[in-house]
Structures are given as structure tokens and as C-alpha cells.
Amino acid sequence: MSASIPIEIESAVTTIIVQRPYKNQVQAYENWLQEMVPLAQGSAGHRG
């Protein structure tokens, strides 16, 4: 038997992410971002 947990659809959470890659990893980080940003934009609730 599984219990259901009510979810409030009208609530929101905002997260701020600060990005500071190591100087020698900037290009690798930029390449990773080019892959990740489109995936994030396709996620429900993505706000840009």
C-alpha cells in the first residue's frame, strides 16, 4: 500500500547558482554548459 503525499502545484522555489570554474577549466566548463543549458530549458519549471 502506498501513501500519496499532496503536492502544492502553486508553490515555487528559486535557486541561484554561482559558477566559478578553475582558470584552466573554463573552456571545458563552457562546453559542458552548451550541453546542459538546452536540457535545463526543457525541464518543467525552468525559469531561464
N, C-alpha and C. Protein backbone atom coordinates (compact mmCIF):
# COMPACT_ATOMS: atom_id res chain seq x y z
N MET A 1 0.85 -1.18 0.00
CA MET A 1 0.00 0.00 0.00
C MET A 1 0.89 1.23 0.00
N SER A 2 0.68 2.14 -0.91
CA SER A 2 1.50 3.35 -0.95
C SER A 2 0.65 4.55 -0.56
N ALA A 3 1.24 5.42 0.19
CA ALA A 3 0.55 6.64 0.62
C ALA A 3 0.86 7.75 -0.38
N SER A 4 -0.14 8.55 -0.67
CA SER A 4 0.12 9.69 -1.55
C SER A 4 0.34 10.93 -0.70
N ILE A 5 1.26 11.74 -1.17
CA ILE A 5 1.60 12.99 -0.49
C ILE A 5 1.06 14.14 -1.33
N PRO A 6 0.22 14.97 -0.76
CA PRO A 6 -0.31 16.10 -1.56
C PRO A 6 0.82 17.06 -1.94
N ILE A 7 0.79 17.51 -3.17
CA ILE A 7 1.80 18.44 -3.67
C ILE A 7 1.11 19.75 -4.01
N GLU A 8 1.65 20.85 -3.53
CA GLU A 8 1.11 22.17 -3.85
C GLU A 8 1.73 22.64 -5.15
N ILE A 9 0.98 22.61 -6.20
CA ILE A 9 1.47 23.00 -7.52
C ILE A 9 1.74 24.50 -7.59
N GLU A 10 1.04 25.29 -6.81
CA GLU A 10 1.17 26.74 -6.88
C GLU A 10 2.41 27.27 -6.15
N SER A 11 3.12 26.43 -5.40
CA SER A 11 4.30 26.91 -4.67
C SER A 11 5.50 26.91 -5.62
N ALA A 12 6.49 27.70 -5.29
CA ALA A 12 7.69 27.81 -6.13
C ALA A 12 8.94 27.92 -5.27
N VAL A 13 10.03 27.43 -5.81
CA VAL A 13 11.33 27.55 -5.16
C VAL A 13 12.29 28.08 -6.22
N THR A 14 13.08 29.06 -5.88
CA THR A 14 14.08 29.61 -6.79
C THR A 14 15.45 29.35 -6.21
N THR A 15 16.35 28.86 -7.05
CA THR A 15 17.73 28.59 -6.64
C THR A 15 18.65 29.45 -7.49
N ILE A 16 19.64 30.04 -6.86
CA ILE A 16 20.65 30.84 -7.57
C ILE A 16 21.95 30.05 -7.52
N ILE A 17 22.54 29.85 -8.68
CA ILE A 17 23.78 29.09 -8.77
C ILE A 17 24.89 30.03 -9.22
N VAL A 18 25.96 30.08 -8.46
CA VAL A 18 27.13 30.89 -8.82
C VAL A 18 28.16 29.95 -9.42
N GLN A 19 28.66 30.30 -10.58
CA GLN A 19 29.58 29.43 -11.31
C GLN A 19 30.95 30.07 -11.39
N ARG A 20 31.96 29.36 -10.84
CA ARG A 20 33.33 29.87 -10.88
C ARG A 20 34.29 28.72 -11.20
N PRO A 21 34.41 28.38 -12.48
CA PRO A 21 35.32 27.27 -12.83
C PRO A 21 36.77 27.69 -12.62
N TYR A 22 37.60 26.69 -12.39
CA TYR A 22 39.04 26.95 -12.30
C TYR A 22 39.51 27.57 -13.61
N LYS A 23 40.52 28.43 -13.55
CA LYS A 23 41.00 29.13 -14.75
C LYS A 23 41.40 28.17 -15.87
N ASN A 24 41.97 27.04 -15.50
CA ASN A 24 42.41 26.09 -16.53
C ASN A 24 41.28 25.18 -17.01
N GLN A 25 40.05 25.37 -16.50
CA GLN A 25 38.92 24.56 -16.88
C GLN A 25 37.78 25.35 -17.53
N VAL A 26 38.03 26.62 -17.83
CA VAL A 26 36.98 27.48 -18.37
C VAL A 26 36.42 26.93 -19.68
N GLN A 27 37.26 26.52 -20.60
CA GLN A 27 36.77 26.03 -21.89
C GLN A 27 35.97 24.75 -21.72
N ALA A 28 36.43 23.83 -20.89
CA ALA A 28 35.69 22.59 -20.64
C ALA A 28 34.34 22.91 -20.01
N TYR A 29 34.33 23.89 -19.11
CA TYR A 29 33.07 24.29 -18.47
C TYR A 29 32.11 24.89 -19.48
N GLU A 30 32.60 25.74 -20.37
CA GLU A 30 31.76 26.34 -21.41
C GLU A 30 31.18 25.26 -22.32
N ASN A 31 31.98 24.26 -22.65
CA ASN A 31 31.50 23.15 -23.48
C ASN A 31 30.39 22.38 -22.76
N TRP A 32 30.59 22.14 -21.48
CA TRP A 32 29.59 21.44 -20.68
C TRP A 32 28.29 22.24 -20.62
N LEU A 33 28.40 23.57 -20.45
CA LEU A 33 27.21 24.41 -20.40
C LEU A 33 26.41 24.32 -21.70
N GLN A 34 27.10 24.25 -22.83
CA GLN A 34 26.40 24.16 -24.12
C GLN A 34 25.56 22.89 -24.20
N GLU A 35 25.96 21.85 -23.49
CA GLU A 35 25.18 20.62 -23.45
C GLU A 35 24.05 20.70 -22.43
N MET A 36 24.33 21.31 -21.29
CA MET A 36 23.39 21.30 -20.17
C MET A 36 22.26 22.32 -20.30
N VAL A 37 22.53 23.49 -20.84
CA VAL A 37 21.51 24.55 -20.91
C VAL A 37 20.27 24.09 -21.67
N PRO A 38 20.41 23.47 -22.85
CA PRO A 38 19.20 23.02 -23.55
C PRO A 38 18.42 21.98 -22.73
N LEU A 39 19.10 21.12 -22.01
CA LEU A 39 18.42 20.13 -21.18
C LEU A 39 17.64 20.82 -20.05
N ALA A 40 18.27 21.80 -19.43
CA ALA A 40 17.61 22.52 -18.34
C ALA A 40 16.40 23.29 -18.86
N GLN A 41 16.55 23.90 -20.02
CA GLN A 41 15.44 24.68 -20.58
C GLN A 41 14.23 23.81 -20.89
N GLY A 42 14.45 22.52 -21.14
CA GLY A 42 13.35 21.62 -21.42
C GLY A 42 12.68 21.05 -20.19
N SER A 43 13.21 21.38 -19.01
CA SER A 43 12.67 20.84 -17.76
C SER A 43 11.47 21.65 -17.29
N ALA A 44 10.50 20.96 -16.72
CA ALA A 44 9.33 21.63 -16.18
C ALA A 44 9.75 22.61 -15.09
N GLY A 45 9.24 23.81 -15.15
CA GLY A 45 9.53 24.80 -14.12
C GLY A 45 10.77 25.63 -14.38
N HIS A 46 11.49 25.37 -15.46
CA HIS A 46 12.70 26.15 -15.77
C HIS A 46 12.31 27.60 -16.00
N ARG A 47 13.05 28.51 -15.38
CA ARG A 47 12.68 29.92 -15.48
C ARG A 47 13.73 30.78 -16.17
N GLY A 48 14.69 30.15 -16.80
CA GLY A 48 15.68 30.90 -17.55
C GLY A 48 16.82 31.21 -16.75
